[in-house]
Amino acid sequence: MTDQTKRDARNYWNEFSRITHAKTVADLSSDAIQTYKHKIYRNATSPSYIRARFTTVKTILNYGLKQGQDIDNTSHALLLCKALSPPSQNGVNPQPISRKHYRALLAKADSKWRAILLLSLNAAYYPVDVARAEWDDLDLAGRTLVSFRQKTGVPRIAMLWIRTVKALKALPKTGKLVFTRCDGRSARSFQHPHPCCR
């Protein structure tokens, strides 16, 4: 298990505990699980976003059960968690943005969001990929991007458009990440502006 996987697991469990308001497995209820499920679905950026969280929660509970920790309540919690079913890949219903609306977004975007929009389309990046983009991934002079998927290590390569390069060059370099929140901290994804930016 990599350090990143461990961090993700810790973050997903803390998120689960926070949303369900459960300090112990005995505190979990059907209503709390449903609240958690709806919140994750509402915030989801992709099916894998949901799957990673639901699988992690169940794995941690299963581990506790195997260790003999509070067997009755942990078993009951796992039973409740059967409701945490991620969508199938085939269930995804993408809604492509029209060229007209995309251009309207670009026209209204500030320099940071213009770069985000252009890089996302140019490199086929998900919001989480944008958040993880590093300056070292980019060769602006050569107009190339080379990065590696965090989980699989598979390379992702893109030839950058001239306007993408121009938008990226307009950004300040404040650290290794290309994009940060307005408070300078890293973001989990760039699906919409962070509350601190509003």
Protein backbone atom coordinates (compact mmCIF):
# COMPACT_ATOMS: atom_id res chain seq x y z
CA MET A 1 0.00 0.00 0.00
CA THR A 2 1.47 3.33 -1.06
CA ASP A 3 1.63 6.40 1.19
CA GLN A 4 -0.92 8.11 -1.06
CA THR A 5 -3.32 5.17 -0.72
CA LYS A 6 -2.96 5.33 3.05
CA ARG A 7 -3.66 9.07 3.03
CA ASP A 8 -6.69 8.58 0.79
CA ALA A 9 -8.06 5.84 3.07
CA ARG A 10 -7.62 8.05 6.13
CA ASN A 11 -9.29 10.98 4.37
CA TYR A 12 -12.20 8.86 3.11
CA TRP A 13 -12.81 7.40 6.59
CA ASN A 14 -12.66 10.83 8.22
CA GLU A 15 -15.09 12.12 5.62
CA PHE A 16 -17.43 9.18 6.34
CA SER A 17 -17.26 9.81 10.10
CA ARG A 18 -17.87 13.53 9.65
CA ILE A 19 -20.90 13.15 7.38
CA THR A 20 -22.51 10.36 9.44
CA HIS A 21 -21.63 12.09 12.76
CA ALA A 22 -20.48 8.67 13.99
CA LYS A 23 -17.76 8.56 16.63
CA THR A 24 -17.99 4.75 16.84
CA VAL A 25 -19.57 2.08 14.64
CA ALA A 26 -22.34 1.80 17.22
CA ASP A 27 -23.44 5.33 16.26
CA LEU A 28 -24.15 4.38 12.64
CA SER A 29 -27.76 4.23 11.49
CA SER A 30 -29.58 3.61 8.23
CA ASP A 31 -30.43 7.31 7.95
CA ALA A 32 -26.79 8.29 8.50
CA ILE A 33 -25.63 5.89 5.77
CA GLN A 34 -28.22 7.26 3.35
CA THR A 35 -27.13 10.83 4.13
CA TYR A 36 -23.54 9.85 3.42
CA LYS A 37 -24.49 8.08 0.18
CA HIS A 38 -26.47 11.04 -1.15
CA LYS A 39 -23.72 13.50 -0.23
CA ILE A 40 -21.03 11.46 -2.02
CA TYR A 41 -23.22 11.04 -5.11
CA ARG A 42 -23.92 14.78 -5.12
CA ASN A 43 -20.21 15.67 -4.90
CA ALA A 44 -19.01 12.96 -7.29
CA THR A 45 -16.76 13.92 -10.17
CA SER A 46 -16.77 10.39 -11.64
CA PRO A 47 -17.95 6.84 -10.82
CA SER A 48 -14.45 6.07 -9.48
CA TYR A 49 -14.85 8.95 -6.97
CA ILE A 50 -17.83 7.13 -5.48
CA ARG A 51 -16.38 3.64 -5.80
CA ALA A 52 -13.13 4.57 -4.03
CA ARG A 53 -14.96 5.97 -1.01
CA PHE A 54 -17.56 3.23 -0.64
CA THR A 55 -14.98 0.46 -1.07
CA THR A 56 -12.62 2.05 1.46
CA VAL A 57 -15.33 2.38 4.11
CA LYS A 58 -16.35 -1.27 3.71
CA THR A 59 -12.73 -2.45 3.69
CA ILE A 60 -11.99 -0.66 6.96
CA LEU A 61 -15.10 -2.09 8.61
CA ASN A 62 -14.25 -5.58 7.33
CA TYR A 63 -10.75 -5.24 8.74
CA GLY A 64 -12.19 -4.30 12.14
CA LEU A 65 -14.48 -7.31 12.01
CA LYS A 66 -11.59 -9.67 11.21
CA GLN A 67 -9.69 -8.20 14.16
CA GLY A 68 -12.64 -9.00 16.40
CA GLN A 69 -13.36 -5.36 17.20
CA ASP A 70 -16.93 -4.79 18.46
CA ILE A 71 -18.21 -7.69 16.36
CA ASP A 72 -21.94 -7.09 16.80
CA ASN A 73 -21.91 -3.38 15.98
CA THR A 74 -19.34 -3.76 13.18
CA SER A 75 -21.40 -6.55 11.58
CA HIS A 76 -24.48 -4.34 11.79
CA ALA A 77 -22.55 -1.42 10.26
CA LEU A 78 -21.44 -3.62 7.35
CA LEU A 79 -25.03 -4.69 6.83
CA LEU A 80 -26.09 -1.04 6.67
CA CYS A 81 -23.26 -0.34 4.22
CA LYS A 82 -24.75 -2.73 1.68
CA ALA A 83 -26.70 0.38 0.66
CA LEU A 84 -23.44 1.94 -0.51
CA SER A 85 -23.49 0.71 -4.08
CA PRO A 86 -21.46 2.69 -6.62
CA PRO A 87 -22.82 3.26 -10.14
CA SER A 88 -21.67 0.94 -12.88
CA GLN A 89 -19.41 2.38 -15.55
CA ASN A 90 -22.22 1.75 -18.02
CA GLY A 91 -24.53 3.87 -15.90
CA VAL A 92 -22.61 7.05 -16.62
CA ASN A 93 -24.60 9.53 -18.67
CA PRO A 94 -22.20 12.25 -19.86
CA GLN A 95 -23.69 15.58 -20.82
CA PRO A 96 -21.18 17.22 -23.17
CA ILE A 97 -20.99 20.99 -23.06
CA SER A 98 -21.76 22.76 -26.31
CA ARG A 99 -19.08 24.74 -28.11
CA LYS A 100 -21.19 27.87 -27.64
CA HIS A 101 -21.37 27.43 -23.87
CA TYR A 102 -17.70 26.52 -23.61
CA ARG A 103 -16.70 29.69 -25.43
CA ALA A 104 -19.01 31.68 -23.15
CA LEU A 105 -17.22 30.22 -20.12
CA LEU A 106 -13.84 31.11 -21.59
CA ALA A 107 -15.00 34.65 -22.26
CA LYS A 108 -16.03 35.12 -18.61
CA ALA A 109 -13.16 33.22 -16.99
CA ASP A 110 -10.29 34.93 -15.20
CA SER A 111 -6.73 33.94 -16.10
CA LYS A 112 -6.65 30.96 -13.71
CA TRP A 113 -9.97 29.48 -14.81
CA ARG A 114 -9.19 30.10 -18.47
CA ALA A 115 -6.05 27.97 -18.03
CA ILE A 116 -8.05 25.32 -16.14
CA LEU A 117 -10.71 25.13 -18.86
CA LEU A 118 -8.20 24.98 -21.70
CA LEU A 119 -5.92 22.40 -20.05
CA SER A 120 -8.92 20.23 -19.10
CA LEU A 121 -10.16 20.07 -22.67
CA ASN A 122 -6.73 19.93 -24.28
CA ALA A 123 -5.44 17.04 -22.11
CA ALA A 124 -8.81 15.35 -21.43
CA TYR A 125 -8.27 15.97 -17.73
CA TYR A 126 -10.79 15.29 -14.99
CA PRO A 127 -11.10 17.95 -12.24
CA VAL A 128 -8.88 15.84 -9.96
CA ASP A 129 -6.20 15.65 -12.67
CA VAL A 130 -6.18 19.43 -12.93
CA ALA A 131 -5.68 19.70 -9.17
CA ARG A 132 -2.67 17.36 -9.34
CA ALA A 133 -1.03 18.98 -12.39
CA GLU A 134 2.54 20.04 -11.70
CA TRP A 135 4.79 22.47 -13.54
CA ASP A 136 7.29 19.64 -13.98
CA ASP A 137 4.68 17.83 -16.11
CA LEU A 138 4.75 20.68 -18.61
CA ASP A 139 7.21 21.67 -21.30
CA LEU A 140 5.70 24.94 -22.44
CA ALA A 141 8.50 25.63 -24.94
CA GLY A 142 7.96 22.22 -26.53
CA ARG A 143 4.17 22.45 -26.03
CA THR A 144 3.96 19.03 -24.39
CA LEU A 145 2.49 17.56 -21.23
CA VAL A 146 3.68 14.24 -19.78
CA SER A 147 2.22 12.99 -16.50
CA PHE A 148 1.50 9.63 -14.90
CA ARG A 149 -1.77 8.33 -13.51
CA GLN A 150 -1.40 8.21 -9.74
CA LYS A 151 -2.94 4.76 -9.26
CA THR A 152 -1.71 2.94 -12.36
CA GLY A 153 1.46 4.78 -13.34
CA VAL A 154 0.21 4.87 -16.93
CA PRO A 155 1.66 7.87 -18.79
CA ARG A 156 -0.65 10.60 -20.05
CA ILE A 157 0.71 12.63 -22.92
CA ALA A 158 -0.74 15.65 -24.68
CA MET A 159 0.36 18.13 -27.30
CA LEU A 160 -0.64 21.52 -25.97
CA TRP A 161 -2.49 24.05 -28.08
CA ILE A 162 -0.89 27.47 -28.50
CA ARG A 163 -3.73 29.11 -26.57
CA THR A 164 -3.32 26.58 -23.73
CA VAL A 165 0.38 27.40 -23.50
CA LYS A 166 -0.41 31.12 -23.56
CA ALA A 167 -2.96 30.71 -20.74
CA LEU A 168 -0.51 28.68 -18.64
CA LYS A 169 2.29 31.21 -19.16
CA ALA A 170 0.00 33.90 -17.76
CA LEU A 171 -0.15 32.11 -14.39
CA PRO A 172 2.22 32.85 -11.50
CA LYS A 173 4.47 29.99 -10.39
CA THR A 174 3.99 29.76 -6.63
CA GLY A 175 4.98 26.15 -6.07
CA LYS A 176 5.13 22.76 -7.76
CA LEU A 177 1.38 22.67 -8.45
CA VAL A 178 0.07 24.55 -11.47
CA PHE A 179 -3.23 25.36 -9.79
CA THR A 180 -3.99 26.06 -6.14
CA ARG A 181 -6.94 27.47 -4.28
CA CYS A 182 -7.08 31.24 -3.79
CA ASP A 183 -5.69 30.76 -0.28
CA GLY A 184 -2.61 29.05 -1.77
CA ARG A 185 -3.49 25.56 -0.59
CA SER A 186 -3.83 22.49 -2.80
CA ALA A 187 -7.30 21.41 -3.91
CA ARG A 188 -8.80 17.95 -4.27
CA SER A 189 -10.28 18.89 -7.62
CA PHE A 190 -11.23 21.90 -9.70
CA GLN A 191 -14.82 21.17 -10.56
CA HIS A 192 -16.01 24.55 -9.31
CA PRO A 193 -14.48 27.44 -7.34
CA HIS A 194 -13.58 26.67 -3.73
CA PRO A 195 -15.75 28.56 -1.17
CA CYS A 196 -12.73 30.70 -0.25
CA CYS A 197 -12.72 32.02 -3.82
CA ARG A 198 -16.31 33.20 -3.79
